[in-house]
Each structure stands twice: as structure tokens, then as C-alpha cells.
Amino acid sequence: MSEFENSEWKKEQSAQEFIENADFYILERRRLIKIMKSLYKYFLMDKIKERPLKTLDLGCGDGILTYELLGMDENLRGTLIDGSAEMLKNAKERLKSYPQIEYIQETFQELVRSDLNNKFNLVVSSLAIHHLSMDQKESLFRFIYNHIEKKGFFLNIDTIKAPSNDLEEWYLMLWKEWINEKEDKEKFMYIPNQYRNNPDNHPDTLKSQLNSLESIGFKNVDCYYKYGVFAIYGGTKIN
């Protein structure tokens, strides 16, 4: 049995709760999505002539990332992967107007052992890869590199581990302060502590993940945005 089968995300209730409250859980979620869209336009839409552009959405949830990209480029061909049948059900409903979208129910552990032959201009993920151990992250990063077209990008929106306990505590406090500014703040104030204590979460430091991407061969590897434990990082494939 895979690790995903033992996780909270296998449960329909957990998946649905996340979908309904993601904008409250994820610090500056709309800004994170806006940055992803800016990268897509600048590096892919404006610079790659071949059409349609192809995207791979890893741990797609309800399909929000692909949906936002389709709002910019309705002709893109997207492949969405998630281990949760409930997540894919919601993604299919959100994207029902786009028949060119493909859906695959697989865990990341299954994906890296699969015979997927497609290559993509953009591989994107949001709040999913931090569930993997560092060894599993590296296997997934290598799989991603091997499935990206020349000049393609990998972009990960995710939580990271601070390099020290003091910074970790401050980052979690920043998260709580952000929640405190929202309506119904009492309803969601428990989220940072739940994140820290959840055995399904295995965040690694930003530095270790950037080093891993560089060692695999990614270029322009960097953190493109960071706010506490939330970060956007990635890199491009030159050759």
C-alpha cells in the first residue's frame, strides 16, 4: 500500500474541506497564482512559438492552477494528476468546458515508475510535493526534468522547512497574523499548528530543494517568491 493510501488526502472529507477553504489555509494564495501566471506568460506564451503549449499539473487538487492558465491560454493542453479520486472529480467539474484536458489518478510514487512518455512546456504543482521525503522529492524532480521540453519550466508552490527553529516559529507566527486579518479568523487559527503537527507533512529546506534541482540539471534555479513557510521555486531546462 502506498503512503498516499494512509494519508488524510485519501479521505473524501479531507479533500473537500481543503477545496472549500484553500483561500483561508494558504497564505497569499491569490498572489501565488498571479506569480505563476506571470511566469507562464513571460517565459512560455511570449517566447515559445510552438502551439499548443502543454502543461502537467502535479497534485492538481480541484484544478485551480490549470483553470487559471486556461483563462490566459484556452488552447493549452493540460494533464492533471492526483492520487485522490475526490480531487479529480472536482477538477473535472471545474474544467468541464475544456475537452482537451487529460486526467490521471496516480500517486507521485506511482507516477515516477510509470511509462508516461509526454513532454511538457510547464510542470506545475501546488501544496503537494511537501508530503514527500527528500529522497522522494529528488526522484520526482528527476522525473520532471526528463519530461520537460527544451526551454520548459518547473514551478512549485509549496511549504518549506525553515533552516532554524527560531525562523520556523516566526514563519508560523506570520501565518497566524495573516489569518488574523481575515473574516472568520477564529475558525482557521488552528491551521498553522495543524500543519506543523501533521505526520503527512515532510517539508524540507528551500536550500536543499534548490540544490537538488541544480544537481539534476535545472537552470535559472531560484526562489521566485517567499512569505514565511510558503514559497515558489523552480527552474528551467535549457537543453
C-alpha atoms as a PDB file:
ATOM      1  CA  MET A   1       0.000   0.000   0.000  1.00  0.00           C
ATOM      2  CA  SER A   2       1.360   3.429  -0.926  1.00  0.00           C
ATOM      3  CA  GLU A   3       1.919   6.205   1.603  1.00  0.00           C
ATOM      4  CA  PHE A   4      -0.888   8.163  -0.023  1.00  0.00           C
ATOM      5  CA  GLU A   5      -3.338   5.385   0.864  1.00  0.00           C
ATOM      6  CA  ASN A   6      -2.575   6.002   4.544  1.00  0.00           C
ATOM      7  CA  SER A   7      -2.785   9.787   4.391  1.00  0.00           C
ATOM      8  CA  GLU A   8      -5.576  12.222   5.156  1.00  0.00           C
ATOM      9  CA  TRP A   9      -5.843  13.077   1.456  1.00  0.00           C
ATOM     10  CA  LYS A  10      -7.283   9.656   0.693  1.00  0.00           C
ATOM     11  CA  LYS A  11     -10.373  10.668   2.690  1.00  0.00           C
ATOM     12  CA  GLU A  12     -13.155  12.380   0.754  1.00  0.00           C
ATOM     13  CA  GLN A  13     -13.980  14.689   3.671  1.00  0.00           C
ATOM     14  CA  SER A  14     -10.397  15.965   3.980  1.00  0.00           C
ATOM     15  CA  ALA A  15     -10.155  16.657   0.252  1.00  0.00           C
ATOM     16  CA  GLN A  16     -13.464  18.519   0.193  1.00  0.00           C
ATOM     17  CA  GLU A  17     -12.614  20.572   3.266  1.00  0.00           C
ATOM     18  CA  PHE A  18      -9.359  21.725   1.686  1.00  0.00           C
ATOM     19  CA  ILE A  19     -11.081  22.679  -1.578  1.00  0.00           C
ATOM     20  CA  GLU A  20     -13.695  24.749   0.235  1.00  0.00           C
ATOM     21  CA  ASN A  21     -11.231  26.609   2.472  1.00  0.00           C
ATOM     22  CA  ALA A  22      -7.990  26.809   0.460  1.00  0.00           C
ATOM     23  CA  ASP A  23      -8.027  30.608   0.240  1.00  0.00           C
ATOM     24  CA  PHE A  24      -8.054  30.743   4.039  1.00  0.00           C
ATOM     25  CA  TYR A  25      -5.481  27.983   4.557  1.00  0.00           C
ATOM     26  CA  ILE A  26      -2.847  29.127   2.068  1.00  0.00           C
ATOM     27  CA  LEU A  27      -1.123  32.388   2.843  1.00  0.00           C
ATOM     28  CA  GLU A  28      -1.485  34.840  -0.063  1.00  0.00           C
ATOM     29  CA  ARG A  29      -2.867  32.109  -2.342  1.00  0.00           C
ATOM     30  CA  ARG A  30      -4.149  34.523  -4.989  1.00  0.00           C
ATOM     31  CA  ARG A  31      -0.761  36.257  -5.172  1.00  0.00           C
ATOM     32  CA  LEU A  32       0.976  32.893  -5.584  1.00  0.00           C
ATOM     33  CA  ILE A  33      -1.300  32.051  -8.507  1.00  0.00           C
ATOM     34  CA  LYS A  34      -0.723  35.500 -10.030  1.00  0.00           C
ATOM     35  CA  ILE A  35       3.036  34.932  -9.986  1.00  0.00           C
ATOM     36  CA  MET A  36       2.596  31.551 -11.690  1.00  0.00           C
ATOM     37  CA  LYS A  37       0.533  33.193 -14.436  1.00  0.00           C
ATOM     38  CA  SER A  38       3.164  35.904 -14.911  1.00  0.00           C
ATOM     39  CA  LEU A  39       5.889  33.284 -15.400  1.00  0.00           C
ATOM     40  CA  TYR A  40       3.714  31.368 -17.876  1.00  0.00           C
ATOM     41  CA  LYS A  41       3.159  34.467 -19.971  1.00  0.00           C
ATOM     42  CA  TYR A  42       6.719  35.815 -19.843  1.00  0.00           C
ATOM     43  CA  PHE A  43       8.704  32.614 -20.402  1.00  0.00           C
ATOM     44  CA  LEU A  44       6.258  30.471 -22.389  1.00  0.00           C
ATOM     45  CA  MET A  45       3.407  32.321 -24.114  1.00  0.00           C
ATOM     46  CA  ASP A  46       5.604  35.221 -25.228  1.00  0.00           C
ATOM     47  CA  LYS A  47       8.705  33.204 -26.178  1.00  0.00           C
ATOM     48  CA  ILE A  48       7.707  29.760 -27.443  1.00  0.00           C
ATOM     49  CA  LYS A  49       6.126  29.687 -30.901  1.00  0.00           C
ATOM     50  CA  GLU A  50       5.013  26.043 -30.987  1.00  0.00           C
ATOM     51  CA  ARG A  51       1.349  25.564 -30.095  1.00  0.00           C
ATOM     52  CA  PRO A  52      -0.432  24.304 -28.190  1.00  0.00           C
ATOM     53  CA  LEU A  53       1.634  24.650 -25.055  1.00  0.00           C
ATOM     54  CA  LYS A  54       1.475  21.576 -22.827  1.00  0.00           C
ATOM     55  CA  THR A  55       1.243  21.607 -19.037  1.00  0.00           C
ATOM     56  CA  LEU A  56       1.453  18.954 -16.347  1.00  0.00           C
ATOM     57  CA  ASP A  57      -0.324  19.742 -13.054  1.00  0.00           C
ATOM     58  CA  LEU A  58       1.020  17.529 -10.249  1.00  0.00           C
ATOM     59  CA  GLY A  59      -1.262  17.003  -7.262  1.00  0.00           C
ATOM     60  CA  CYS A  60      -3.811  19.083  -9.135  1.00  0.00           C
ATOM     61  CA  GLY A  61      -6.487  19.234  -6.417  1.00  0.00           C
ATOM     62  CA  ASP A  62      -9.597  20.831  -7.864  1.00  0.00           C
ATOM     63  CA  GLY A  63      -7.716  22.021 -10.953  1.00  0.00           C
ATOM     64  CA  ILE A  64      -7.360  25.658  -9.884  1.00  0.00           C
ATOM     65  CA  LEU A  65      -3.869  26.137 -11.399  1.00  0.00           C
ATOM     66  CA  THR A  66      -4.794  24.713 -14.798  1.00  0.00           C
ATOM     67  CA  TYR A  67      -8.055  26.666 -14.709  1.00  0.00           C
ATOM     68  CA  GLU A  68      -6.170  29.929 -14.180  1.00  0.00           C
ATOM     69  CA  LEU A  69      -3.754  29.135 -17.023  1.00  0.00           C
ATOM     70  CA  LEU A  70      -6.633  28.291 -19.349  1.00  0.00           C
ATOM     71  CA  GLY A  71      -8.025  31.756 -18.616  1.00  0.00           C
ATOM     72  CA  MET A  72      -4.899  33.114 -20.321  1.00  0.00           C
ATOM     73  CA  ASP A  73      -4.438  30.435 -22.980  1.00  0.00           C
ATOM     74  CA  GLU A  74      -7.608  28.470 -23.685  1.00  0.00           C
ATOM     75  CA  ASN A  75      -5.826  26.251 -26.204  1.00  0.00           C
ATOM     76  CA  LEU A  76      -3.220  24.800 -23.848  1.00  0.00           C
ATOM     77  CA  ARG A  77      -3.257  21.039 -23.409  1.00  0.00           C
ATOM     78  CA  GLY A  78      -3.184  20.053 -19.775  1.00  0.00           C
ATOM     79  CA  THR A  79      -2.570  16.770 -17.992  1.00  0.00           C
ATOM     80  CA  LEU A  80      -3.763  16.712 -14.382  1.00  0.00           C
ATOM     81  CA  ILE A  81      -2.527  14.109 -11.905  1.00  0.00           C
ATOM     82  CA  ASP A  82      -3.753  13.451  -8.376  1.00  0.00           C
ATOM     83  CA  GLY A  83      -3.924  10.438  -6.117  1.00  0.00           C
ATOM     84  CA  SER A  84      -7.346  11.466  -4.821  1.00  0.00           C
ATOM     85  CA  ALA A  85     -10.447  10.472  -6.759  1.00  0.00           C
ATOM     86  CA  GLU A  86     -12.358  13.231  -4.958  1.00  0.00           C
ATOM     87  CA  MET A  87      -9.860  15.884  -6.065  1.00  0.00           C
ATOM     88  CA  LEU A  88     -10.010  14.708  -9.677  1.00  0.00           C
ATOM     89  CA  LYS A  89     -13.806  14.684  -9.561  1.00  0.00           C
ATOM     90  CA  ASN A  90     -13.770  18.353  -8.565  1.00  0.00           C
ATOM     91  CA  ALA A  91     -11.115  19.177 -11.180  1.00  0.00           C
ATOM     92  CA  LYS A  92     -13.221  17.595 -13.920  1.00  0.00           C
ATOM     93  CA  GLU A  93     -16.214  19.639 -12.831  1.00  0.00           C
ATOM     94  CA  ARG A  94     -14.219  22.890 -12.800  1.00  0.00           C
ATOM     95  CA  LEU A  95     -12.688  22.189 -16.220  1.00  0.00           C
ATOM     96  CA  LYS A  96     -15.667  20.580 -17.933  1.00  0.00           C
ATOM     97  CA  SER A  97     -15.653  23.256 -20.663  1.00  0.00           C
ATOM     98  CA  TYR A  98     -12.173  22.172 -21.805  1.00  0.00           C
ATOM     99  CA  PRO A  99     -12.277  18.783 -23.586  1.00  0.00           C
ATOM    100  CA  GLN A 100      -8.523  18.800 -24.290  1.00  0.00           C
ATOM    101  CA  ILE A 101      -7.675  18.166 -20.625  1.00  0.00           C
ATOM    102  CA  GLU A 102      -6.475  14.707 -19.537  1.00  0.00           C
ATOM    103  CA  TYR A 103      -6.873  13.310 -16.011  1.00  0.00           C
ATOM    104  CA  ILE A 104      -4.769  10.602 -14.370  1.00  0.00           C
ATOM    105  CA  GLN A 105      -5.318   9.174 -10.895  1.00  0.00           C
ATOM    106  CA  GLU A 106      -1.852   8.271  -9.614  1.00  0.00           C
ATOM    107  CA  THR A 107       0.266   8.981  -6.582  1.00  0.00           C
ATOM    108  CA  PHE A 108       3.674  10.569  -7.108  1.00  0.00           C
ATOM    109  CA  GLN A 109       5.278   7.253  -6.165  1.00  0.00           C
ATOM    110  CA  GLU A 110       3.304   5.557  -8.942  1.00  0.00           C
ATOM    111  CA  LEU A 111       3.980   8.364 -11.400  1.00  0.00           C
ATOM    112  CA  VAL A 112       7.785   8.140 -11.223  1.00  0.00           C
ATOM    113  CA  ARG A 113       7.515   4.426 -12.061  1.00  0.00           C
ATOM    114  CA  SER A 114       5.011   4.962 -14.865  1.00  0.00           C
ATOM    115  CA  ASP A 115       5.576   4.865 -18.624  1.00  0.00           C
ATOM    116  CA  LEU A 116       4.317   8.412 -19.226  1.00  0.00           C
ATOM    117  CA  ASN A 117       6.031   9.486 -22.439  1.00  0.00           C
ATOM    118  CA  ASN A 118       4.695  13.011 -22.864  1.00  0.00           C
ATOM    119  CA  LYS A 119       6.871  16.086 -22.540  1.00  0.00           C
ATOM    120  CA  PHE A 120       5.589  19.408 -21.251  1.00  0.00           C
ATOM    121  CA  ASN A 121       6.384  23.111 -21.509  1.00  0.00           C
ATOM    122  CA  LEU A 122       5.375  23.673 -17.898  1.00  0.00           C
ATOM    123  CA  VAL A 123       5.209  21.331 -14.939  1.00  0.00           C
ATOM    124  CA  VAL A 124       3.483  22.974 -12.005  1.00  0.00           C
ATOM    125  CA  SER A 125       2.471  21.836  -8.546  1.00  0.00           C
ATOM    126  CA  SER A 126       0.840  23.444  -5.532  1.00  0.00           C
ATOM    127  CA  LEU A 127       0.916  22.299  -1.911  1.00  0.00           C
ATOM    128  CA  ALA A 128       1.580  18.661  -2.769  1.00  0.00           C
ATOM    129  CA  ILE A 129       5.300  17.887  -3.010  1.00  0.00           C
ATOM    130  CA  HIS A 130       5.951  18.706   0.667  1.00  0.00           C
ATOM    131  CA  HIS A 131       4.227  15.398   1.509  1.00  0.00           C
ATOM    132  CA  LEU A 132       7.251  13.531   0.095  1.00  0.00           C
ATOM    133  CA  SER A 133      10.522  12.702   1.818  1.00  0.00           C
ATOM    134  CA  MET A 134      13.633  14.369   0.391  1.00  0.00           C
ATOM    135  CA  ASP A 135      14.625  11.180  -1.442  1.00  0.00           C
ATOM    136  CA  GLN A 136      11.152  11.016  -2.970  1.00  0.00           C
ATOM    137  CA  LYS A 137      11.301  14.690  -3.890  1.00  0.00           C
ATOM    138  CA  GLU A 138      14.577  14.105  -5.730  1.00  0.00           C
ATOM    139  CA  SER A 139      13.079  11.163  -7.642  1.00  0.00           C
ATOM    140  CA  LEU A 140      10.127  13.329  -8.629  1.00  0.00           C
ATOM    141  CA  PHE A 141      12.376  16.260  -9.619  1.00  0.00           C
ATOM    142  CA  ARG A 142      14.364  13.921 -11.881  1.00  0.00           C
ATOM    143  CA  PHE A 143      11.153  12.583 -13.426  1.00  0.00           C
ATOM    144  CA  ILE A 144      10.009  16.166 -14.040  1.00  0.00           C
ATOM    145  CA  TYR A 145      13.319  17.122 -15.667  1.00  0.00           C
ATOM    146  CA  ASN A 146      13.065  14.150 -18.028  1.00  0.00           C
ATOM    147  CA  HIS A 147       9.528  15.179 -19.018  1.00  0.00           C
ATOM    148  CA  ILE A 148      10.124  18.871 -19.738  1.00  0.00           C
ATOM    149  CA  GLU A 149      10.643  20.250 -23.218  1.00  0.00           C
ATOM    150  CA  LYS A 150      13.632  22.444 -24.030  1.00  0.00           C
ATOM    151  CA  LYS A 151      13.029  25.928 -22.542  1.00  0.00           C
ATOM    152  CA  GLY A 152      10.290  24.471 -20.370  1.00  0.00           C
ATOM    153  CA  PHE A 153       9.791  25.322 -16.706  1.00  0.00           C
ATOM    154  CA  PHE A 154       9.119  23.562 -13.444  1.00  0.00           C
ATOM    155  CA  LEU A 155       7.319  25.722 -10.874  1.00  0.00           C
ATOM    156  CA  ASN A 156       6.422  24.551  -7.379  1.00  0.00           C
ATOM    157  CA  ILE A 157       4.161  26.481  -4.990  1.00  0.00           C
ATOM    158  CA  ASP A 158       4.686  24.810  -1.644  1.00  0.00           C
ATOM    159  CA  THR A 159       5.598  24.963   2.012  1.00  0.00           C
ATOM    160  CA  ILE A 160       9.216  24.688   3.069  1.00  0.00           C
ATOM    161  CA  LYS A 161      11.088  23.997   6.297  1.00  0.00           C
ATOM    162  CA  ALA A 162      12.942  26.891   7.890  1.00  0.00           C
ATOM    163  CA  PRO A 163      16.708  26.431   8.404  1.00  0.00           C
ATOM    164  CA  SER A 164      16.356  27.048  12.168  1.00  0.00           C
ATOM    165  CA  ASN A 165      13.733  26.562  14.881  1.00  0.00           C
ATOM    166  CA  ASP A 166      13.621  30.304  15.616  1.00  0.00           C
ATOM    167  CA  LEU A 167      12.795  31.097  11.998  1.00  0.00           C
ATOM    168  CA  GLU A 168      10.237  28.297  11.884  1.00  0.00           C
ATOM    169  CA  GLU A 169       8.397  29.763  14.865  1.00  0.00           C
ATOM    170  CA  TRP A 170       8.423  33.222  13.332  1.00  0.00           C
ATOM    171  CA  TYR A 171       7.187  31.936   9.972  1.00  0.00           C
ATOM    172  CA  LEU A 172       4.280  30.188  11.668  1.00  0.00           C
ATOM    173  CA  MET A 173       3.536  33.388  13.578  1.00  0.00           C
ATOM    174  CA  LEU A 174       3.448  35.296  10.263  1.00  0.00           C
ATOM    175  CA  TRP A 175       0.900  32.777   9.025  1.00  0.00           C
ATOM    176  CA  LYS A 176      -1.240  33.281  12.132  1.00  0.00           C
ATOM    177  CA  GLU A 177      -1.012  37.069  11.793  1.00  0.00           C
ATOM    178  CA  TRP A 178      -2.216  36.792   8.187  1.00  0.00           C
ATOM    179  CA  ILE A 179      -5.150  34.606   9.225  1.00  0.00           C
ATOM    180  CA  ASN A 180      -5.958  37.077  11.992  1.00  0.00           C
ATOM    181  CA  GLU A 181      -6.671  39.720   9.359  1.00  0.00           C
ATOM    182  CA  LYS A 182      -9.388  37.579   7.741  1.00  0.00           C
ATOM    183  CA  GLU A 183     -13.070  37.212   8.440  1.00  0.00           C
ATOM    184  CA  ASP A 184     -13.964  34.131  10.497  1.00  0.00           C
ATOM    185  CA  LYS A 185     -10.371  34.167  11.758  1.00  0.00           C
ATOM    186  CA  GLU A 186     -11.224  32.085  14.820  1.00  0.00           C
ATOM    187  CA  LYS A 187     -12.396  29.296  12.523  1.00  0.00           C
ATOM    188  CA  PHE A 188      -8.983  28.960  10.854  1.00  0.00           C
ATOM    189  CA  MET A 189      -6.442  29.961  13.531  1.00  0.00           C
ATOM    190  CA  TYR A 190      -5.667  26.306  14.252  1.00  0.00           C
ATOM    191  CA  ILE A 191      -4.334  25.690  10.728  1.00  0.00           C
ATOM    192  CA  PRO A 192      -0.621  26.596  11.254  1.00  0.00           C
ATOM    193  CA  ASN A 193      -0.317  24.302  14.275  1.00  0.00           C
ATOM    194  CA  GLN A 194      -2.176  21.540  12.475  1.00  0.00           C
ATOM    195  CA  TYR A 195       0.238  21.887   9.566  1.00  0.00           C
ATOM    196  CA  ARG A 196       3.248  21.646  11.897  1.00  0.00           C
ATOM    197  CA  ASN A 197       1.923  18.573  13.721  1.00  0.00           C
ATOM    198  CA  ASN A 198       0.554  16.680  10.711  1.00  0.00           C
ATOM    199  CA  PRO A 199       2.609  13.480  10.184  1.00  0.00           C
ATOM    200  CA  ASP A 200       1.729  13.585   6.462  1.00  0.00           C
ATOM    201  CA  ASN A 201       3.838  16.735   6.016  1.00  0.00           C
ATOM    202  CA  HIS A 202       7.559  16.379   5.275  1.00  0.00           C
ATOM    203  CA  PRO A 203       8.776  19.847   4.245  1.00  0.00           C
ATOM    204  CA  ASP A 204      12.466  20.283   3.512  1.00  0.00           C
ATOM    205  CA  THR A 205      14.528  23.443   3.471  1.00  0.00           C
ATOM    206  CA  LEU A 206      14.413  25.662   0.429  1.00  0.00           C
ATOM    207  CA  LYS A 207      18.187  25.382   0.089  1.00  0.00           C
ATOM    208  CA  SER A 208      18.152  21.579  -0.067  1.00  0.00           C
ATOM    209  CA  GLN A 209      15.457  21.579  -2.743  1.00  0.00           C
ATOM    210  CA  LEU A 210      17.145  24.244  -4.868  1.00  0.00           C
ATOM    211  CA  ASN A 211      20.426  22.312  -4.606  1.00  0.00           C
ATOM    212  CA  SER A 212      18.620  19.159  -5.714  1.00  0.00           C
ATOM    213  CA  LEU A 213      17.153  20.874  -8.789  1.00  0.00           C
ATOM    214  CA  GLU A 214      20.568  22.238  -9.770  1.00  0.00           C
ATOM    215  CA  SER A 215      22.265  18.861  -9.334  1.00  0.00           C
ATOM    216  CA  ILE A 216      19.694  17.270 -11.654  1.00  0.00           C
ATOM    217  CA  GLY A 217      20.385  19.852 -14.367  1.00  0.00           C
ATOM    218  CA  PHE A 218      17.803  22.613 -13.987  1.00  0.00           C
ATOM    219  CA  LYS A 219      18.993  26.145 -14.775  1.00  0.00           C
ATOM    220  CA  ASN A 220      17.782  29.538 -13.500  1.00  0.00           C
ATOM    221  CA  VAL A 221      17.003  27.741 -10.251  1.00  0.00           C
ATOM    222  CA  ASP A 222      15.732  30.182  -7.676  1.00  0.00           C
ATOM    223  CA  CYS A 223      13.082  31.067  -5.146  1.00  0.00           C
ATOM    224  CA  TYR A 224      10.739  33.354  -7.071  1.00  0.00           C
ATOM    225  CA  TYR A 225       8.629  34.379  -4.072  1.00  0.00           C
ATOM    226  CA  LYS A 226       8.553  33.606  -0.359  1.00  0.00           C
ATOM    227  CA  TYR A 227       6.351  34.519   2.604  1.00  0.00           C
ATOM    228  CA  GLY A 228       7.139  32.576   5.769  1.00  0.00           C
ATOM    229  CA  VAL A 229       6.815  28.840   5.121  1.00  0.00           C
ATOM    230  CA  PHE A 230       5.213  29.443   1.694  1.00  0.00           C
ATOM    231  CA  ALA A 231       7.479  29.673  -1.330  1.00  0.00           C
ATOM    232  CA  ILE A 232       7.524  29.497  -5.110  1.00  0.00           C
ATOM    233  CA  TYR A 233      10.646  27.912  -6.528  1.00  0.00           C
ATOM    234  CA  GLY A 234      11.723  26.078  -9.627  1.00  0.00           C
ATOM    235  CA  GLY A 235      13.914  26.142 -12.694  1.00  0.00           C
ATOM    236  CA  THR A 236      14.110  25.749 -16.441  1.00  0.00           C
ATOM    237  CA  LYS A 237      15.533  23.136 -18.807  1.00  0.00           C
ATOM    238  CA  ILE A 238      17.921  24.745 -21.274  1.00  0.00           C
ATOM    239  CA  ASN A 239      18.849  21.751 -23.447  1.00  0.00           C
END
